[in-house]
Structures are given as structure tokens and as C-alpha cells.
Amino acid sequence: MNPLILIAIFIASSFAGYKLITNVPSLLHTPLMSGMNALSGITVIGAIIAIAMVTGTGARVLIYSAITLATVNMAAGYGVTHRMLNMFKKRGR
């Protein structure tokens, strides 16, 4: 696919994502965050599959960084979600 088309799709999806996130009420933040953590897991799986098909060094570096960033995002997101859900547990038990 043409790289310019891919860049245009990335820019359009960035604007759409920003518009969607700014309109989300804080009550829905935790469930949406859990869903995004699941999508980061899918990103990791997709990047691992993609790295098997790539031959160039530059592409491998980008894919390794995508795997690293998605893994950090996933782990930190689950940690924050866990802390937020602990706030709703009753104390004293």
C-alpha cells in the first residue's frame, strides 16, 4: 500500500480518536481503559506476526519498538485499572 495513504489514515484516525476520547465521561473511563488494554494485547500479537515477515533492519527496529510500547501500555493500563477497581471495594474485610 502507498505510504502516503497509510500516513493519511494514521492522521485521520488520530484526530478521530482524540475527538472520541475528549467526549468520554469520567464514569466510563475504567471500562474503556480495560478495552484499550485488550487492544494493546492484539497489537503485540500483530507485531509479533509482522516481524516474522519483515526483512529490513529499519522495519524490525520499528516493530520491536511497537512491541515494547504496546507491552508497557498494556501492563501499566492493567495496573491502573486494578488500582481504580480497588477503590470501589469495601474496607474492613
C-alpha atoms as a PDB file:
ATOM      1  CA  MET A   1       0.000   0.000   0.000  1.00  0.00           C
ATOM      2  CA  ASN A   2       1.156   3.526  -0.704  1.00  0.00           C
ATOM      3  CA  PRO A   3       2.903   5.068   2.357  1.00  0.00           C
ATOM      4  CA  LEU A   4       1.104   8.378   1.834  1.00  0.00           C
ATOM      5  CA  ILE A   5      -2.254   6.639   2.162  1.00  0.00           C
ATOM      6  CA  LEU A   6      -1.081   4.954   5.365  1.00  0.00           C
ATOM      7  CA  ILE A   7       0.077   8.300   6.793  1.00  0.00           C
ATOM      8  CA  ALA A   8      -3.262   9.898   5.867  1.00  0.00           C
ATOM      9  CA  ILE A   9      -5.136   7.044   7.596  1.00  0.00           C
ATOM     10  CA  PHE A  10      -2.945   7.462  10.687  1.00  0.00           C
ATOM     11  CA  ILE A  11      -3.584  11.224  10.853  1.00  0.00           C
ATOM     12  CA  ALA A  12      -7.341  10.814  10.323  1.00  0.00           C
ATOM     13  CA  SER A  13      -7.584   8.104  12.984  1.00  0.00           C
ATOM     14  CA  SER A  14      -5.547  10.232  15.407  1.00  0.00           C
ATOM     15  CA  PHE A  15      -7.980  13.131  15.033  1.00  0.00           C
ATOM     16  CA  ALA A  16     -10.995  10.816  15.333  1.00  0.00           C
ATOM     17  CA  GLY A  17      -9.527   9.139  18.436  1.00  0.00           C
ATOM     18  CA  TYR A  18      -8.798  12.478  20.073  1.00  0.00           C
ATOM     19  CA  LYS A  19     -12.335  13.680  19.387  1.00  0.00           C
ATOM     20  CA  LEU A  20     -13.822  10.485  20.831  1.00  0.00           C
ATOM     21  CA  ILE A  21     -11.660  10.470  23.962  1.00  0.00           C
ATOM     22  CA  THR A  22     -12.370  14.100  24.837  1.00  0.00           C
ATOM     23  CA  ASN A  23     -16.123  13.385  24.817  1.00  0.00           C
ATOM     24  CA  VAL A  24     -15.984  10.354  27.148  1.00  0.00           C
ATOM     25  CA  PRO A  25     -17.378  10.989  30.641  1.00  0.00           C
ATOM     26  CA  SER A  26     -15.099  10.053  33.528  1.00  0.00           C
ATOM     27  CA  LEU A  27     -17.557   7.359  34.684  1.00  0.00           C
ATOM     28  CA  LEU A  28     -16.826   5.330  31.542  1.00  0.00           C
ATOM     29  CA  HIS A  29     -13.063   5.762  31.723  1.00  0.00           C
ATOM     30  CA  THR A  30     -12.267   2.486  33.524  1.00  0.00           C
ATOM     31  CA  PRO A  31     -14.260   0.157  31.226  1.00  0.00           C
ATOM     32  CA  LEU A  32     -12.867   1.866  28.140  1.00  0.00           C
ATOM     33  CA  MET A  33      -9.358   1.633  29.534  1.00  0.00           C
ATOM     34  CA  SER A  34      -9.756  -2.107  30.009  1.00  0.00           C
ATOM     35  CA  GLY A  35     -10.898  -2.421  26.413  1.00  0.00           C
ATOM     36  CA  MET A  36      -7.895  -0.463  25.203  1.00  0.00           C
ATOM     37  CA  ASN A  37      -5.613  -2.773  27.178  1.00  0.00           C
ATOM     38  CA  ALA A  38      -7.093  -5.695  25.280  1.00  0.00           C
ATOM     39  CA  LEU A  39      -6.443  -3.862  22.009  1.00  0.00           C
ATOM     40  CA  SER A  40      -2.816  -3.336  23.063  1.00  0.00           C
ATOM     41  CA  GLY A  41      -2.574  -7.098  23.501  1.00  0.00           C
ATOM     42  CA  ILE A  42      -3.854  -7.553  19.956  1.00  0.00           C
ATOM     43  CA  THR A  43      -1.245  -5.014  18.793  1.00  0.00           C
ATOM     44  CA  VAL A  44       1.505  -7.071  20.405  1.00  0.00           C
ATOM     45  CA  ILE A  45       0.289 -10.241  18.697  1.00  0.00           C
ATOM     46  CA  GLY A  46       0.042  -8.457  15.339  1.00  0.00           C
ATOM     47  CA  ALA A  47       3.533  -7.008  15.705  1.00  0.00           C
ATOM     48  CA  ILE A  48       4.979 -10.412  16.555  1.00  0.00           C
ATOM     49  CA  ILE A  49       3.372 -11.843  13.421  1.00  0.00           C
ATOM     50  CA  ALA A  50       4.584  -8.884  11.340  1.00  0.00           C
ATOM     51  CA  ILE A  51       8.175  -9.209  12.499  1.00  0.00           C
ATOM     52  CA  ALA A  52       8.336 -12.712  11.027  1.00  0.00           C
ATOM     53  CA  MET A  53       7.587 -11.300   7.564  1.00  0.00           C
ATOM     54  CA  VAL A  54       9.969  -8.326   7.593  1.00  0.00           C
ATOM     55  CA  THR A  55      13.472  -8.463   6.169  1.00  0.00           C
ATOM     56  CA  GLY A  56      14.667  -4.862   6.600  1.00  0.00           C
ATOM     57  CA  THR A  57      16.526  -3.694   9.696  1.00  0.00           C
ATOM     58  CA  GLY A  58      14.646  -0.391   9.956  1.00  0.00           C
ATOM     59  CA  ALA A  59      11.299  -2.134   9.902  1.00  0.00           C
ATOM     60  CA  ARG A  60      12.470  -4.582  12.565  1.00  0.00           C
ATOM     61  CA  VAL A  61      13.500  -1.701  14.834  1.00  0.00           C
ATOM     62  CA  LEU A  62      10.084  -0.079  14.410  1.00  0.00           C
ATOM     63  CA  ILE A  63       8.301  -3.355  15.113  1.00  0.00           C
ATOM     64  CA  TYR A  64      10.422  -4.050  18.197  1.00  0.00           C
ATOM     65  CA  SER A  65       9.611  -0.571  19.496  1.00  0.00           C
ATOM     66  CA  ALA A  66       5.895  -1.169  18.775  1.00  0.00           C
ATOM     67  CA  ILE A  67       6.037  -4.425  20.741  1.00  0.00           C
ATOM     68  CA  THR A  68       7.820  -2.715  23.635  1.00  0.00           C
ATOM     69  CA  LEU A  69       5.485   0.276  23.791  1.00  0.00           C
ATOM     70  CA  ALA A  70       2.327  -1.826  23.466  1.00  0.00           C
ATOM     71  CA  THR A  71       3.542  -4.166  26.221  1.00  0.00           C
ATOM     72  CA  VAL A  72       4.327  -1.253  28.554  1.00  0.00           C
ATOM     73  CA  ASN A  73       0.937   0.301  27.754  1.00  0.00           C
ATOM     74  CA  MET A  74      -0.827  -2.983  28.420  1.00  0.00           C
ATOM     75  CA  ALA A  75       0.924  -3.718  31.719  1.00  0.00           C
ATOM     76  CA  ALA A  76       0.575  -0.175  33.058  1.00  0.00           C
ATOM     77  CA  GLY A  77      -3.055   0.016  31.946  1.00  0.00           C
ATOM     78  CA  TYR A  78      -3.970  -3.179  33.734  1.00  0.00           C
ATOM     79  CA  GLY A  79      -2.145  -1.938  36.837  1.00  0.00           C
ATOM     80  CA  VAL A  80      -4.020   1.364  36.845  1.00  0.00           C
ATOM     81  CA  THR A  81      -7.342  -0.395  36.185  1.00  0.00           C
ATOM     82  CA  HIS A  82      -6.667  -2.744  39.107  1.00  0.00           C
ATOM     83  CA  ARG A  83      -5.952   0.215  41.411  1.00  0.00           C
ATOM     84  CA  MET A  84      -9.090   2.020  40.285  1.00  0.00           C
ATOM     85  CA  LEU A  85     -11.265  -1.038  40.866  1.00  0.00           C
ATOM     86  CA  ASN A  86      -9.755  -1.473  44.347  1.00  0.00           C
ATOM     87  CA  MET A  87     -11.110   1.964  45.220  1.00  0.00           C
ATOM     88  CA  PHE A  88     -14.648   0.553  44.988  1.00  0.00           C
ATOM     89  CA  LYS A  89     -14.059  -2.401  47.320  1.00  0.00           C
ATOM     90  CA  LYS A  90     -15.417  -2.164  50.846  1.00  0.00           C
ATOM     91  CA  ARG A  91     -12.839  -1.598  53.533  1.00  0.00           C
ATOM     92  CA  GLY A  92     -12.702  -3.608  56.740  1.00  0.00           C
ATOM     93  CA  ARG A  93     -12.778  -7.121  55.348  1.00  0.00           C
END
